[in-house]
Amino acid sequence: ENGGVVGMLEVIESDFARLEADTKAAEASAQKEYDTFMTDSKVDKEAKTKDIEHKTAKKQDEEQALTVKREDLEGTQKELDAALAYFDKLKPSCVDAGVSYEDRVARRKEEIESLQEALR
């Protein structure tokens, strides 16, 4: 019995040593994975933070450019409206809608002939 109890204690001790070694190896592996994950997460977070800063700055620049372009559009539209109003005002005096093209050509031809007659 003495050898059996000592033998049993030796088996228990060797099982415990193996279990302890396995547990330490698993713990070391898990710690390494955790450290790698934390490092990767920190780098990723910094990259995303910088990306947010860049996108925020770009958004502000784009909004400012949009505001300027809207103001330019508004000013240009006012200029166009004024030019169209002036054009509508001038159109009746420039275009005689009551006379056909053939009549204008005939009148011009008569005018040219009379001027040539006057030069002789």
Foldseek 3Di string as FASTA:
>chain_A
DVCVVVVVVVVVVVVVVVVVVVVVVVVVVVVVVVVVVVVVVVVVVVVVVVVVVVVVVVVVVVVVVVVVVVVVVVVVVVVVVVVVVVCVVCVCVPDPPVDDPVRVVVVVVVVVVVVVVVVD
